[in-house]
């Protein structure tokens, strides 16, 4: 029990570290590339929307967090899955609200009514999401290089 509490505390500190790396990444990117600032802000907001959900899962399930798991959680399929978990009452709806807003309003062409079947997802929505997650690749790579991370 004590070990799992320490592990959860460590994972929660790692989530806080992710936030700091994303903030730093966004500041660096905005000072270098003003033309893509809107896309970078959307990408940063996407990962910021995910972090409270991961924090919840760390506390509830003892989930171990790694940069690879964060990258995986950012996939469109997993964001849709989190939204469905909230609909089933498995994750608090308030935590998922920013992800749901992203799916409904921030992802052009994504139809929530089709979210249960990936075969019907709009190509524009997929490409938009892939672009945003690609923007985060540098920040996630920085996390992977950090000495305190260990892949599970």
N, C-alpha and C. Protein backbone atom coordinates (compact mmCIF):
# COMPACT_ATOMS: atom_id res chain seq x y z
N UNK A 1 0.84 -1.19 0.00
CA UNK A 1 0.00 0.00 0.00
C UNK A 1 0.88 1.25 0.00
N UNK A 2 1.87 1.27 0.90
CA UNK A 2 2.74 2.44 1.00
C UNK A 2 3.54 2.61 -0.29
N UNK A 3 3.98 1.48 -0.88
CA UNK A 3 4.73 1.55 -2.13
C UNK A 3 3.86 2.09 -3.25
N UNK A 4 2.59 1.64 -3.32
CA UNK A 4 1.71 2.13 -4.39
C UNK A 4 1.41 3.61 -4.22
N UNK A 5 1.32 4.10 -2.98
CA UNK A 5 1.10 5.53 -2.76
C UNK A 5 2.32 6.32 -3.23
N UNK A 6 3.51 5.80 -2.95
CA UNK A 6 4.73 6.45 -3.40
C UNK A 6 4.82 6.44 -4.92
N UNK A 7 4.44 5.33 -5.52
CA UNK A 7 4.45 5.22 -6.98
C UNK A 7 3.46 6.21 -7.59
N UNK A 8 2.26 6.29 -7.03
CA UNK A 8 1.27 7.24 -7.53
C UNK A 8 1.77 8.67 -7.37
N UNK A 9 2.38 8.97 -6.23
CA UNK A 9 2.91 10.31 -5.99
C UNK A 9 3.99 10.63 -7.03
N UNK A 10 4.85 9.66 -7.32
CA UNK A 10 5.89 9.86 -8.33
C UNK A 10 5.29 10.08 -9.71
N UNK A 11 4.26 9.32 -10.06
CA UNK A 11 3.60 9.50 -11.35
C UNK A 11 2.92 10.85 -11.44
N UNK A 12 2.34 11.31 -10.33
CA UNK A 12 1.70 12.62 -10.32
C UNK A 12 2.73 13.73 -10.48
N UNK A 13 3.91 13.55 -9.88
CA UNK A 13 4.98 14.52 -10.08
C UNK A 13 5.43 14.52 -11.54
N UNK A 14 5.44 13.34 -12.16
CA UNK A 14 5.81 13.27 -13.56
C UNK A 14 4.78 14.01 -14.42
N UNK A 15 3.52 13.91 -14.08
CA UNK A 15 2.49 14.64 -14.82
C UNK A 15 2.73 16.14 -14.68
N UNK A 16 3.09 16.57 -13.48
CA UNK A 16 3.43 17.99 -13.28
C UNK A 16 4.63 18.36 -14.14
N UNK A 17 5.60 17.47 -14.24
CA UNK A 17 6.77 17.72 -15.08
C UNK A 17 6.36 17.84 -16.55
N UNK A 18 5.42 17.03 -17.00
CA UNK A 18 4.92 17.12 -18.37
C UNK A 18 4.38 18.51 -18.62
N UNK A 19 3.59 19.02 -17.68
CA UNK A 19 3.02 20.36 -17.81
C UNK A 19 4.12 21.40 -17.97
N UNK A 20 5.16 21.29 -17.17
CA UNK A 20 6.26 22.25 -17.26
C UNK A 20 6.99 22.14 -18.60
N UNK A 21 7.19 20.93 -19.09
CA UNK A 21 7.86 20.75 -20.39
C UNK A 21 7.00 21.32 -21.51
N UNK A 22 5.69 21.10 -21.45
CA UNK A 22 4.78 21.63 -22.47
C UNK A 22 4.80 23.16 -22.44
N UNK A 23 4.77 23.75 -21.26
CA UNK A 23 4.83 25.21 -21.14
C UNK A 23 6.12 25.74 -21.75
N UNK A 24 7.23 25.09 -21.41
CA UNK A 24 8.53 25.51 -21.94
C UNK A 24 8.59 25.34 -23.46
N UNK A 25 8.08 24.22 -23.94
CA UNK A 25 8.04 23.95 -25.39
C UNK A 25 7.23 25.03 -26.10
N UNK A 26 6.06 25.35 -25.55
CA UNK A 26 5.20 26.34 -26.19
C UNK A 26 5.88 27.71 -26.22
N UNK A 27 6.55 28.08 -25.15
CA UNK A 27 7.26 29.37 -25.12
C UNK A 27 8.38 29.40 -26.16
N UNK A 28 9.14 28.31 -26.25
CA UNK A 28 10.23 28.25 -27.24
C UNK A 28 9.68 28.32 -28.65
N UNK A 29 8.62 27.57 -28.91
CA UNK A 29 8.05 27.52 -30.25
C UNK A 29 7.48 28.87 -30.66
N UNK A 30 6.81 29.54 -29.74
CA UNK A 30 6.20 30.83 -30.09
C UNK A 30 7.26 31.90 -30.35
N UNK A 31 8.40 31.79 -29.68
CA UNK A 31 9.45 32.78 -29.92
C UNK A 31 10.20 32.50 -31.23
N UNK A 32 10.17 31.27 -31.69
CA UNK A 32 10.87 30.89 -32.92
C UNK A 32 9.97 31.01 -34.15
N UNK A 33 8.70 30.61 -33.99
CA UNK A 33 7.82 30.49 -35.15
C UNK A 33 6.47 31.12 -34.86
N UNK A 34 6.34 32.38 -35.17
CA UNK A 34 5.08 33.09 -34.90
C UNK A 34 3.95 32.62 -35.80
N UNK A 35 4.25 32.16 -37.01
CA UNK A 35 3.21 31.79 -37.96
C UNK A 35 2.41 30.57 -37.51
N UNK A 36 3.00 29.68 -36.73
CA UNK A 36 2.30 28.48 -36.29
C UNK A 36 1.79 28.56 -34.87
N UNK A 37 1.75 29.75 -34.31
CA UNK A 37 1.39 29.91 -32.89
C UNK A 37 0.00 29.36 -32.58
N UNK A 38 -0.95 29.56 -33.47
CA UNK A 38 -2.31 29.07 -33.21
C UNK A 38 -2.34 27.54 -33.14
N UNK A 39 -1.63 26.88 -34.06
CA UNK A 39 -1.57 25.41 -34.05
C UNK A 39 -0.84 24.91 -32.81
N UNK A 40 0.24 25.58 -32.45
CA UNK A 40 1.01 25.17 -31.27
C UNK A 40 0.17 25.31 -30.01
N UNK A 41 -0.62 26.38 -29.95
CA UNK A 41 -1.49 26.56 -28.79
C UNK A 41 -2.55 25.47 -28.73
N UNK A 42 -3.10 25.11 -29.88
CA UNK A 42 -4.09 24.01 -29.91
C UNK A 42 -3.45 22.71 -29.44
N UNK A 43 -2.23 22.44 -29.91
CA UNK A 43 -1.53 21.21 -29.53
C UNK A 43 -1.26 21.20 -28.02
N UNK A 44 -0.77 22.31 -27.50
CA UNK A 44 -0.49 22.40 -26.06
C UNK A 44 -1.78 22.25 -25.26
N UNK A 45 -2.86 22.86 -25.72
CA UNK A 45 -4.13 22.73 -25.02
C UNK A 45 -4.65 21.30 -25.04
N UNK A 46 -4.37 20.59 -26.12
CA UNK A 46 -4.80 19.20 -26.21
C UNK A 46 -4.12 18.35 -25.13
N UNK A 47 -2.81 18.49 -25.01
CA UNK A 47 -2.12 17.69 -23.99
C UNK A 47 -2.51 18.16 -22.59
N UNK A 48 -2.73 19.46 -22.42
CA UNK A 48 -3.18 19.97 -21.12
C UNK A 48 -4.56 19.41 -20.75
N UNK A 49 -5.39 19.19 -21.75
CA UNK A 49 -6.71 18.60 -21.50
C UNK A 49 -6.59 17.14 -21.06
N UNK A 50 -5.57 16.47 -21.55
CA UNK A 50 -5.37 15.06 -21.23
C UNK A 50 -4.76 14.85 -19.84
N UNK A 51 -3.92 15.75 -19.40
CA UNK A 51 -3.18 15.55 -18.15
C UNK A 51 -4.05 15.33 -16.92
N UNK A 52 -5.15 16.08 -16.71
CA UNK A 52 -5.98 15.80 -15.53
C UNK A 52 -6.61 14.40 -15.56
N UNK A 53 -6.91 13.92 -16.76
CA UNK A 53 -7.48 12.57 -16.88
C UNK A 53 -6.43 11.54 -16.50
N UNK A 54 -5.20 11.73 -16.98
CA UNK A 54 -4.13 10.82 -16.60
C UNK A 54 -3.85 10.88 -15.11
N UNK A 55 -3.89 12.08 -14.54
CA UNK A 55 -3.70 12.26 -13.11
C UNK A 55 -4.77 11.49 -12.34
N UNK A 56 -6.01 11.57 -12.80
CA UNK A 56 -7.11 10.82 -12.18
C UNK A 56 -6.84 9.33 -12.23
N UNK A 57 -6.38 8.84 -13.38
CA UNK A 57 -6.12 7.41 -13.53
C UNK A 57 -4.92 6.96 -12.70
N UNK A 58 -3.96 7.84 -12.50
CA UNK A 58 -2.84 7.54 -11.60
C UNK A 58 -3.37 7.34 -10.19
N UNK A 59 -4.20 8.28 -9.73
CA UNK A 59 -4.73 8.22 -8.37
C UNK A 59 -5.68 7.04 -8.19
N UNK A 60 -6.53 6.80 -9.17
CA UNK A 60 -7.54 5.74 -9.04
C UNK A 60 -6.97 4.36 -9.27
N UNK A 61 -6.16 4.21 -10.32
CA UNK A 61 -5.74 2.88 -10.75
C UNK A 61 -4.27 2.58 -10.49
N UNK A 62 -3.52 3.59 -10.03
CA UNK A 62 -2.09 3.39 -9.88
C UNK A 62 -1.39 3.31 -11.22
N UNK A 63 -2.01 3.92 -12.24
CA UNK A 63 -1.45 3.91 -13.59
C UNK A 63 -0.04 4.48 -13.57
N UNK A 64 0.86 3.81 -14.24
CA UNK A 64 2.22 4.31 -14.41
C UNK A 64 2.26 5.15 -15.66
N UNK A 65 2.93 6.27 -15.59
CA UNK A 65 2.97 7.20 -16.72
C UNK A 65 4.37 7.21 -17.33
N UNK A 66 4.40 7.16 -18.64
CA UNK A 66 5.65 7.31 -19.38
C UNK A 66 5.36 8.18 -20.59
N UNK A 67 6.38 8.75 -21.19
CA UNK A 67 6.16 9.55 -22.40
C UNK A 67 5.47 8.74 -23.51
N UNK A 68 5.84 7.48 -23.63
CA UNK A 68 5.19 6.63 -24.63
C UNK A 68 3.70 6.45 -24.36
N UNK A 69 3.35 6.32 -23.09
CA UNK A 69 1.93 6.18 -22.73
C UNK A 69 1.18 7.48 -22.99
N UNK A 70 1.84 8.61 -22.75
CA UNK A 70 1.21 9.90 -23.04
C UNK A 70 0.98 10.03 -24.54
N UNK A 71 2.00 9.66 -25.32
CA UNK A 71 1.88 9.70 -26.78
C UNK A 71 0.70 8.82 -27.24
N UNK A 72 0.62 7.63 -26.65
CA UNK A 72 -0.46 6.71 -26.99
C UNK A 72 -1.82 7.27 -26.59
N UNK A 73 -1.89 7.87 -25.40
CA UNK A 73 -3.16 8.44 -24.91
C UNK A 73 -3.64 9.58 -25.80
N UNK A 74 -2.72 10.25 -26.49
CA UNK A 74 -3.09 11.36 -27.38
C UNK A 74 -3.67 10.90 -28.71
N UNK A 75 -3.64 9.61 -28.99
CA UNK A 75 -4.20 9.15 -30.26
C UNK A 75 -5.69 9.47 -30.29
N UNK A 76 -6.19 9.71 -31.48
CA UNK A 76 -7.61 10.03 -31.63
C UNK A 76 -8.48 8.90 -31.09
N UNK A 77 -8.10 7.68 -31.37
CA UNK A 77 -8.89 6.53 -30.88
C UNK A 77 -8.95 6.51 -29.36
N UNK A 78 -7.84 6.82 -28.70
CA UNK A 78 -7.84 6.80 -27.23
C UNK A 78 -8.56 8.00 -26.64
N UNK A 79 -8.52 9.14 -27.31
CA UNK A 79 -9.32 10.28 -26.82
C UNK A 79 -10.81 9.98 -26.93
N UNK A 80 -11.21 9.34 -28.02
CA UNK A 80 -12.61 8.93 -28.18
C UNK A 80 -12.97 7.91 -27.11
N UNK A 81 -12.05 6.99 -26.84
CA UNK A 81 -12.29 5.98 -25.80
C UNK A 81 -12.49 6.65 -24.43
N UNK A 82 -11.67 7.65 -24.12
CA UNK A 82 -11.85 8.37 -22.85
C UNK A 82 -13.21 9.04 -22.78
N UNK A 83 -13.64 9.62 -23.89
CA UNK A 83 -14.95 10.25 -23.95
C UNK A 83 -16.04 9.21 -23.68
N UNK A 84 -15.90 8.03 -24.26
CA UNK A 84 -16.88 6.96 -24.03
C UNK A 84 -16.84 6.48 -22.57
N UNK A 85 -15.65 6.43 -21.98
CA UNK A 85 -15.55 6.06 -20.57
C UNK A 85 -16.30 7.06 -19.69
N UNK A 86 -16.23 8.33 -20.04
CA UNK A 86 -16.97 9.35 -19.28
C UNK A 86 -18.47 9.16 -19.44
N UNK A 87 -18.90 8.82 -20.65
CA UNK A 87 -20.33 8.57 -20.88
C UNK A 87 -20.82 7.38 -20.06
N UNK A 88 -19.93 6.42 -19.80
CA UNK A 88 -20.27 5.24 -19.01
C UNK A 88 -20.08 5.47 -17.51
N UNK A 89 -19.62 6.66 -17.12
CA UNK A 89 -19.42 6.99 -15.72
C UNK A 89 -18.12 6.45 -15.14
N UNK A 90 -17.19 6.01 -15.97
CA UNK A 90 -15.92 5.46 -15.49
C UNK A 90 -14.88 6.53 -15.20
N UNK A 91 -15.06 7.68 -15.83
CA UNK A 91 -14.17 8.83 -15.63
C UNK A 91 -15.09 10.04 -15.44
N UNK A 92 -14.79 10.90 -14.47
CA UNK A 92 -15.66 12.06 -14.25
C UNK A 92 -15.82 12.91 -15.52
N UNK A 93 -17.06 13.22 -15.85
CA UNK A 93 -17.36 14.00 -17.06
C UNK A 93 -16.65 15.35 -17.05
N UNK A 94 -16.49 15.95 -15.87
CA UNK A 94 -15.83 17.26 -15.80
C UNK A 94 -14.38 17.17 -16.25
N UNK A 95 -13.72 16.05 -15.98
CA UNK A 95 -12.34 15.89 -16.43
C UNK A 95 -12.25 15.73 -17.94
N UNK A 96 -13.25 15.13 -18.51
CA UNK A 96 -13.25 14.86 -19.95
C UNK A 96 -13.79 16.05 -20.75
N UNK A 97 -14.42 17.00 -20.08
CA UNK A 97 -15.06 18.12 -20.78
C UNK A 97 -14.13 18.81 -21.80
N UNK A 98 -12.86 19.11 -21.46
CA UNK A 98 -12.00 19.74 -22.48
C UNK A 98 -11.71 18.82 -23.67
N UNK A 99 -11.60 17.53 -23.42
CA UNK A 99 -11.39 16.57 -24.52
C UNK A 99 -12.64 16.49 -25.37
N UNK A 100 -13.78 16.45 -24.72
CA UNK A 100 -15.05 16.41 -25.45
C UNK A 100 -15.22 17.67 -26.30
N UNK A 101 -14.85 18.83 -25.74
CA UNK A 101 -14.93 20.08 -26.49
C UNK A 101 -14.00 20.03 -27.70
N UNK A 102 -12.81 19.46 -27.52
CA UNK A 102 -11.88 19.31 -28.63
C UNK A 102 -12.49 18.44 -29.72
N UNK A 103 -13.07 17.32 -29.34
CA UNK A 103 -13.67 16.41 -30.32
C UNK A 103 -14.85 17.07 -31.04
N UNK A 104 -15.67 17.79 -30.29
CA UNK A 104 -16.89 18.37 -30.87
C UNK A 104 -16.64 19.67 -31.63
N UNK A 105 -15.76 20.52 -31.11
CA UNK A 105 -15.61 21.86 -31.67
C UNK A 105 -14.24 22.13 -32.27
N UNK A 106 -13.22 21.47 -31.78
CA UNK A 106 -11.86 21.78 -32.20
C UNK A 106 -11.32 20.88 -33.28
N UNK A 107 -12.10 19.89 -33.67
CA UNK A 107 -11.64 18.92 -34.65
C UNK A 107 -12.57 18.97 -35.86
N UNK A 108 -12.19 19.73 -36.87
CA UNK A 108 -13.07 19.91 -38.04
C UNK A 108 -13.47 18.58 -38.67
N UNK A 109 -14.75 18.42 -38.88
CA UNK A 109 -15.26 17.24 -39.56
C UNK A 109 -15.49 16.03 -38.67
N UNK A 110 -15.17 16.13 -37.39
CA UNK A 110 -15.40 14.98 -36.51
C UNK A 110 -16.85 14.97 -36.07
N UNK A 111 -17.51 13.86 -36.32
CA UNK A 111 -18.92 13.71 -35.95
C UNK A 111 -19.02 12.84 -34.70
N UNK A 112 -19.46 13.43 -33.62
CA UNK A 112 -19.58 12.68 -32.36
C UNK A 112 -20.50 11.47 -32.53
N UNK A 113 -21.51 11.61 -33.36
CA UNK A 113 -22.44 10.49 -33.56
C UNK A 113 -21.75 9.29 -34.20
N UNK A 114 -20.61 9.53 -34.86
CA UNK A 114 -19.86 8.45 -35.50
C UNK A 114 -18.66 8.00 -34.66
N UNK A 115 -18.54 8.53 -33.45
CA UNK A 115 -17.34 8.27 -32.66
C UNK A 115 -17.16 6.81 -32.28
N UNK A 116 -18.24 6.02 -32.28
CA UNK A 116 -18.14 4.61 -31.92
C UNK A 116 -17.50 3.77 -33.01
N UNK A 117 -17.39 4.31 -34.20
CA UNK A 117 -16.87 3.54 -35.33
C UNK A 117 -15.81 4.33 -36.09
N UNK A 118 -14.57 3.97 -35.88
CA UNK A 118 -13.44 4.69 -36.49
C UNK A 118 -13.49 4.66 -38.02
N UNK A 119 -14.17 3.69 -38.60
CA UNK A 119 -14.27 3.61 -40.06
C UNK A 119 -14.99 4.82 -40.66
N UNK A 120 -15.80 5.48 -39.85
CA UNK A 120 -16.58 6.61 -40.33
C UNK A 120 -15.98 7.96 -39.97
N UNK A 121 -14.81 7.97 -39.35
CA UNK A 121 -14.19 9.24 -38.98
C UNK A 121 -13.73 9.97 -40.23
N UNK A 122 -14.00 11.23 -40.26
CA UNK A 122 -13.67 12.10 -41.38
C UNK A 122 -12.16 12.21 -41.57
N UNK A 123 -11.71 12.17 -42.82
CA UNK A 123 -10.28 12.26 -43.13
C UNK A 123 -9.70 13.58 -42.65
N UNK A 124 -10.45 14.67 -42.81
CA UNK A 124 -9.98 15.98 -42.36
C UNK A 124 -9.74 15.98 -40.85
N UNK A 125 -10.65 15.37 -40.11
CA UNK A 125 -10.49 15.29 -38.65
C UNK A 125 -9.24 14.50 -38.29
N UNK A 126 -9.02 13.38 -38.96
CA UNK A 126 -7.83 12.57 -38.69
C UNK A 126 -6.55 13.35 -38.98
N UNK A 127 -6.52 14.02 -40.13
CA UNK A 127 -5.32 14.76 -40.52
C UNK A 127 -5.06 15.93 -39.58
N UNK A 128 -6.11 16.62 -39.19
CA UNK A 128 -5.99 17.74 -38.24
C UNK A 128 -5.38 17.23 -36.93
N UNK A 129 -5.93 16.14 -36.43
CA UNK A 129 -5.45 15.58 -35.16
C UNK A 129 -4.01 15.09 -35.30
N UNK A 130 -3.70 14.42 -36.38
CA UNK A 130 -2.33 13.94 -36.60
C UNK A 130 -1.34 15.10 -36.64
N UNK A 131 -1.74 16.20 -37.25
CA UNK A 131 -0.86 17.37 -37.30
C UNK A 131 -0.60 17.91 -35.90
N UNK A 132 -1.66 18.04 -35.11
CA UNK A 132 -1.50 18.55 -33.75
C UNK A 132 -0.60 17.65 -32.91
N UNK A 133 -0.81 16.35 -33.01
CA UNK A 133 0.02 15.44 -32.21
C UNK A 133 1.46 15.42 -32.73
N UNK A 134 1.65 15.62 -34.02
CA UNK A 134 3.02 15.69 -34.57
C UNK A 134 3.74 16.92 -34.01
N UNK A 135 3.02 18.01 -33.81
CA UNK A 135 3.63 19.20 -33.22
C UNK A 135 4.18 18.91 -31.82
N UNK A 136 3.54 18.00 -31.12
CA UNK A 136 3.95 17.67 -29.75
C UNK A 136 5.12 16.69 -29.71
N UNK A 137 5.51 16.19 -30.85
CA UNK A 137 6.56 15.18 -30.90
C UNK A 137 7.86 15.65 -30.23
N UNK A 138 8.25 16.90 -30.47
CA UNK A 138 9.47 17.44 -29.88
C UNK A 138 9.38 17.46 -28.36
N UNK A 139 8.26 17.93 -27.84
CA UNK A 139 8.09 18.00 -26.38
C UNK A 139 8.09 16.60 -25.78
N UNK A 140 7.43 15.66 -26.43
CA UNK A 140 7.39 14.29 -25.90
C UNK A 140 8.76 13.63 -26.00
N UNK A 141 9.51 13.97 -27.02
CA UNK A 141 10.88 13.45 -27.14
C UNK A 141 11.75 13.97 -26.01
N UNK A 142 11.55 15.23 -25.63
CA UNK A 142 12.29 15.79 -24.49
C UNK A 142 11.98 15.01 -23.22
N UNK A 143 10.72 14.64 -23.05
CA UNK A 143 10.33 13.86 -21.88
C UNK A 143 10.99 12.48 -21.89
N UNK A 144 11.06 11.86 -23.06
CA UNK A 144 11.64 10.53 -23.16
C UNK A 144 13.12 10.54 -22.79
N UNK A 145 13.79 11.67 -23.01
CA UNK A 145 15.21 11.78 -22.70
C UNK A 145 15.46 12.08 -21.22
N UNK A 146 14.40 12.47 -20.51
CA UNK A 146 14.55 12.85 -19.11
C UNK A 146 14.91 11.62 -18.28
N UNK A 147 15.88 11.75 -17.41
CA UNK A 147 16.43 10.63 -16.66
C UNK A 147 15.43 9.97 -15.69
N UNK A 148 14.44 10.71 -15.21
CA UNK A 148 13.51 10.14 -14.23
C UNK A 148 12.40 9.31 -14.85
N UNK A 149 12.34 9.23 -16.14
CA UNK A 149 11.29 8.45 -16.78
C UNK A 149 11.79 7.04 -17.01
N UNK A 150 10.91 6.10 -16.77
CA UNK A 150 11.23 4.72 -17.12
C UNK A 150 9.99 4.11 -17.76
N UNK A 151 10.18 3.52 -18.92
CA UNK A 151 9.07 2.89 -19.61
C UNK A 151 8.65 1.64 -18.85
N UNK A 152 7.35 1.44 -18.79
CA UNK A 152 6.82 0.25 -18.11
C UNK A 152 6.69 -0.87 -19.11
